[in-house]
Amino acid sequence: MDTQYRSCLAACRQERDTIAGKAFLALLRERAAAARERLVRAAPEQVARLQGAVLALEDIVRDIESDAQAVNGPDGGYA
């Protein structure tokens, strides 16, 4: 994982339980579902690209949700 991804992931995890965070996760899930639906009708040359997109989106959602112990500290900072 590169530094920029880890930084973005930390921010997403911090906001995960807010309305915006929940909306962002819902958007990622919706995009993954849409890509899965497109797989059914996709031309053979598009299948690998769409499968990769679905896996990448699912990995991002899993990374954001996997940090169950993280909470906002008393000072409002991410701990």
N, C-alpha and C. Protein backbone atom coordinates (compact mmCIF):
# COMPACT_ATOMS: atom_id res chain seq x y z
N MET A 1 0.84 -1.17 0.00
CA MET A 1 0.00 0.00 0.00
C MET A 1 0.89 1.24 0.00
N ASP A 2 0.63 2.14 -0.89
CA ASP A 2 1.45 3.35 -0.91
C ASP A 2 0.95 4.37 0.11
N THR A 3 1.75 5.38 0.33
CA THR A 3 1.47 6.38 1.36
C THR A 3 0.17 7.14 1.08
N GLN A 4 -0.05 7.50 -0.16
CA GLN A 4 -1.27 8.25 -0.50
C GLN A 4 -2.52 7.41 -0.23
N TYR A 5 -2.47 6.13 -0.59
CA TYR A 5 -3.62 5.25 -0.35
C TYR A 5 -3.87 5.12 1.15
N ARG A 6 -2.81 4.93 1.93
CA ARG A 6 -2.96 4.80 3.39
C ARG A 6 -3.54 6.07 3.99
N SER A 7 -3.11 7.21 3.49
CA SER A 7 -3.62 8.49 4.00
C SER A 7 -5.11 8.64 3.68
N CYS A 8 -5.48 8.33 2.46
CA CYS A 8 -6.90 8.40 2.06
C CYS A 8 -7.72 7.38 2.84
N LEU A 9 -7.18 6.20 3.04
CA LEU A 9 -7.87 5.15 3.78
C LEU A 9 -8.11 5.59 5.23
N ALA A 10 -7.12 6.21 5.84
CA ALA A 10 -7.28 6.70 7.22
C ALA A 10 -8.39 7.74 7.29
N ALA A 11 -8.44 8.64 6.32
CA ALA A 11 -9.50 9.65 6.30
C ALA A 11 -10.87 9.01 6.11
N CYS A 12 -10.96 8.03 5.23
CA CYS A 12 -12.23 7.34 5.01
C CYS A 12 -12.67 6.58 6.26
N ARG A 13 -11.72 5.95 6.92
CA ARG A 13 -12.06 5.22 8.15
C ARG A 13 -12.53 6.17 9.24
N GLN A 14 -11.91 7.34 9.31
CA GLN A 14 -12.28 8.32 10.32
C GLN A 14 -13.71 8.79 10.10
N GLU A 15 -14.10 8.94 8.85
CA GLU A 15 -15.44 9.45 8.53
C GLU A 15 -16.45 8.34 8.26
N ARG A 16 -16.04 7.11 8.43
CA ARG A 16 -16.86 5.95 8.07
C ARG A 16 -18.26 5.98 8.66
N ASP A 17 -18.42 6.41 9.89
CA ASP A 17 -19.71 6.36 10.56
C ASP A 17 -20.52 7.65 10.43
N THR A 18 -20.03 8.60 9.67
CA THR A 18 -20.78 9.83 9.43
C THR A 18 -21.73 9.61 8.26
N ILE A 19 -22.64 10.53 8.07
CA ILE A 19 -23.58 10.42 6.95
C ILE A 19 -22.82 10.41 5.63
N ALA A 20 -21.83 11.29 5.50
CA ALA A 20 -21.05 11.33 4.26
C ALA A 20 -20.26 10.05 4.06
N GLY A 21 -19.70 9.51 5.14
CA GLY A 21 -18.94 8.27 5.04
C GLY A 21 -19.81 7.10 4.62
N LYS A 22 -21.00 7.03 5.19
CA LYS A 22 -21.93 5.96 4.82
C LYS A 22 -22.37 6.12 3.37
N ALA A 23 -22.57 7.36 2.94
CA ALA A 23 -22.96 7.61 1.55
C ALA A 23 -21.83 7.21 0.61
N PHE A 24 -20.59 7.50 0.99
CA PHE A 24 -19.44 7.13 0.16
C PHE A 24 -19.33 5.62 0.02
N LEU A 25 -19.50 4.88 1.14
CA LEU A 25 -19.46 3.42 1.07
C LEU A 25 -20.60 2.88 0.22
N ALA A 26 -21.77 3.48 0.34
CA ALA A 26 -22.91 3.04 -0.48
C ALA A 26 -22.62 3.28 -1.95
N LEU A 27 -22.00 4.40 -2.27
CA LEU A 27 -21.64 4.70 -3.65
C LEU A 27 -20.64 3.69 -4.19
N LEU A 28 -19.64 3.34 -3.41
CA LEU A 28 -18.66 2.33 -3.84
C LEU A 28 -19.35 0.99 -4.09
N ARG A 29 -20.24 0.61 -3.18
CA ARG A 29 -20.96 -0.66 -3.35
C ARG A 29 -21.85 -0.64 -4.60
N GLU A 30 -22.49 0.50 -4.84
CA GLU A 30 -23.36 0.63 -6.01
C GLU A 30 -22.55 0.52 -7.29
N ARG A 31 -21.39 1.14 -7.32
CA ARG A 31 -20.54 1.08 -8.51
C ARG A 31 -20.05 -0.34 -8.75
N ALA A 32 -19.72 -1.06 -7.68
CA ALA A 32 -19.30 -2.46 -7.82
C ALA A 32 -20.44 -3.31 -8.36
N ALA A 33 -21.65 -3.08 -7.85
CA ALA A 33 -22.82 -3.83 -8.32
C ALA A 33 -23.10 -3.52 -9.79
N ALA A 34 -22.97 -2.27 -10.18
CA ALA A 34 -23.19 -1.90 -11.57
C ALA A 34 -22.16 -2.56 -12.48
N ALA A 35 -20.92 -2.62 -12.04
CA ALA A 35 -19.87 -3.27 -12.84
C ALA A 35 -20.15 -4.77 -12.95
N ARG A 36 -20.63 -5.39 -11.86
CA ARG A 36 -21.00 -6.81 -11.90
C ARG A 36 -22.11 -7.05 -12.91
N GLU A 37 -23.11 -6.16 -12.94
CA GLU A 37 -24.21 -6.29 -13.90
C GLU A 37 -23.70 -6.15 -15.34
N ARG A 38 -22.77 -5.25 -15.55
CA ARG A 38 -22.21 -5.06 -16.89
C ARG A 38 -21.43 -6.27 -17.35
N LEU A 39 -20.89 -7.04 -16.41
CA LEU A 39 -20.15 -8.25 -16.76
C LEU A 39 -21.01 -9.23 -17.55
N VAL A 40 -22.30 -9.28 -17.23
CA VAL A 40 -23.21 -10.22 -17.88
C VAL A 40 -23.29 -9.97 -19.38
N ARG A 41 -23.29 -8.69 -19.76
CA ARG A 41 -23.45 -8.33 -21.16
C ARG A 41 -22.14 -7.89 -21.83
N ALA A 42 -21.06 -7.97 -21.11
CA ALA A 42 -19.79 -7.44 -21.61
C ALA A 42 -19.21 -8.29 -22.73
N ALA A 43 -18.56 -7.58 -23.63
CA ALA A 43 -17.80 -8.27 -24.67
C ALA A 43 -16.60 -8.95 -24.01
N PRO A 44 -16.15 -10.05 -24.58
CA PRO A 44 -15.04 -10.80 -23.97
C PRO A 44 -13.81 -9.95 -23.64
N GLU A 45 -13.52 -8.97 -24.47
CA GLU A 45 -12.33 -8.15 -24.21
C GLU A 45 -12.53 -7.18 -23.04
N GLN A 46 -13.76 -6.99 -22.59
CA GLN A 46 -14.04 -6.10 -21.46
C GLN A 46 -14.15 -6.84 -20.12
N VAL A 47 -14.28 -8.14 -20.17
CA VAL A 47 -14.53 -8.92 -18.96
C VAL A 47 -13.42 -8.76 -17.93
N ALA A 48 -12.19 -8.89 -18.33
CA ALA A 48 -11.07 -8.80 -17.38
C ALA A 48 -11.01 -7.41 -16.74
N ARG A 49 -11.24 -6.37 -17.53
CA ARG A 49 -11.22 -5.00 -16.99
C ARG A 49 -12.33 -4.80 -15.97
N LEU A 50 -13.53 -5.28 -16.28
CA LEU A 50 -14.65 -5.14 -15.36
C LEU A 50 -14.46 -5.98 -14.10
N GLN A 51 -13.92 -7.18 -14.25
CA GLN A 51 -13.65 -8.01 -13.07
C GLN A 51 -12.63 -7.31 -12.17
N GLY A 52 -11.63 -6.71 -12.78
CA GLY A 52 -10.63 -5.97 -12.00
C GLY A 52 -11.25 -4.79 -11.26
N ALA A 53 -12.17 -4.09 -11.93
CA ALA A 53 -12.84 -2.95 -11.29
C ALA A 53 -13.67 -3.40 -10.11
N VAL A 54 -14.42 -4.48 -10.28
CA VAL A 54 -15.24 -5.01 -9.19
C VAL A 54 -14.37 -5.39 -8.00
N LEU A 55 -13.30 -6.12 -8.27
CA LEU A 55 -12.41 -6.54 -7.18
C LEU A 55 -11.77 -5.34 -6.48
N ALA A 56 -11.36 -4.34 -7.24
CA ALA A 56 -10.74 -3.16 -6.65
C ALA A 56 -11.73 -2.41 -5.75
N LEU A 57 -12.95 -2.23 -6.23
CA LEU A 57 -13.96 -1.54 -5.42
C LEU A 57 -14.29 -2.32 -4.15
N GLU A 58 -14.43 -3.63 -4.28
CA GLU A 58 -14.71 -4.47 -3.11
C GLU A 58 -13.55 -4.43 -2.12
N ASP A 59 -12.31 -4.39 -2.62
CA ASP A 59 -11.14 -4.30 -1.74
C ASP A 59 -11.13 -2.98 -0.97
N ILE A 60 -11.49 -1.90 -1.65
CA ILE A 60 -11.52 -0.59 -0.99
C ILE A 60 -12.56 -0.59 0.13
N VAL A 61 -13.76 -1.09 -0.16
CA VAL A 61 -14.81 -1.16 0.86
C VAL A 61 -14.34 -2.00 2.04
N ARG A 62 -13.75 -3.14 1.75
CA ARG A 62 -13.27 -4.03 2.81
C ARG A 62 -12.18 -3.34 3.64
N ASP A 63 -11.27 -2.62 2.98
CA ASP A 63 -10.21 -1.91 3.71
C ASP A 63 -10.80 -0.85 4.64
N ILE A 64 -11.79 -0.12 4.17
CA ILE A 64 -12.41 0.92 5.00
C ILE A 64 -13.13 0.30 6.19
N GLU A 65 -13.86 -0.77 5.95
CA GLU A 65 -14.67 -1.38 7.00
C GLU A 65 -13.87 -2.28 7.94
N SER A 66 -12.66 -2.65 7.58
CA SER A 66 -11.90 -3.63 8.36
C SER A 66 -11.32 -3.08 9.65
N ASP A 67 -11.34 -1.81 9.84
CA ASP A 67 -10.72 -1.18 11.01
C ASP A 67 -11.77 -0.90 12.08
N ALA A 68 -12.38 -1.95 12.61
CA ALA A 68 -13.48 -1.78 13.56
C ALA A 68 -13.05 -1.13 14.87
N GLN A 69 -11.78 -1.24 15.25
CA GLN A 69 -11.32 -0.70 16.52
C GLN A 69 -11.05 0.80 16.48
N ALA A 70 -10.97 1.37 15.31
CA ALA A 70 -10.63 2.78 15.20
C ALA A 70 -11.81 3.65 15.64
N VAL A 71 -11.52 4.65 16.44
CA VAL A 71 -12.56 5.56 16.91
C VAL A 71 -11.99 6.97 16.96
N ASN A 72 -12.87 7.93 17.02
CA ASN A 72 -12.42 9.29 17.23
C ASN A 72 -12.08 9.47 18.70
N GLY A 73 -10.92 10.00 18.96
CA GLY A 73 -10.48 10.21 20.34
C GLY A 73 -11.20 11.38 20.98
N PRO A 74 -10.94 11.64 22.26
CA PRO A 74 -11.62 12.72 22.97
C PRO A 74 -11.33 14.10 22.38
N ASP A 75 -10.19 14.23 21.72
CA ASP A 75 -9.87 15.51 21.10
C ASP A 75 -10.42 15.62 19.69
N GLY A 76 -11.19 14.61 19.25
CA GLY A 76 -11.75 14.62 17.91
C GLY A 76 -10.83 14.01 16.88
N GLY A 77 -9.59 13.72 17.27
CA GLY A 77 -8.63 13.13 16.35
C GLY A 77 -8.85 11.64 16.17
N TYR A 78 -8.33 11.13 15.10
CA TYR A 78 -8.46 9.70 14.79
C TYR A 78 -7.47 8.91 15.62
N ALA A 79 -7.96 7.89 16.32
CA ALA A 79 -7.08 7.07 17.16
C ALA A 79 -7.20 5.62 16.79
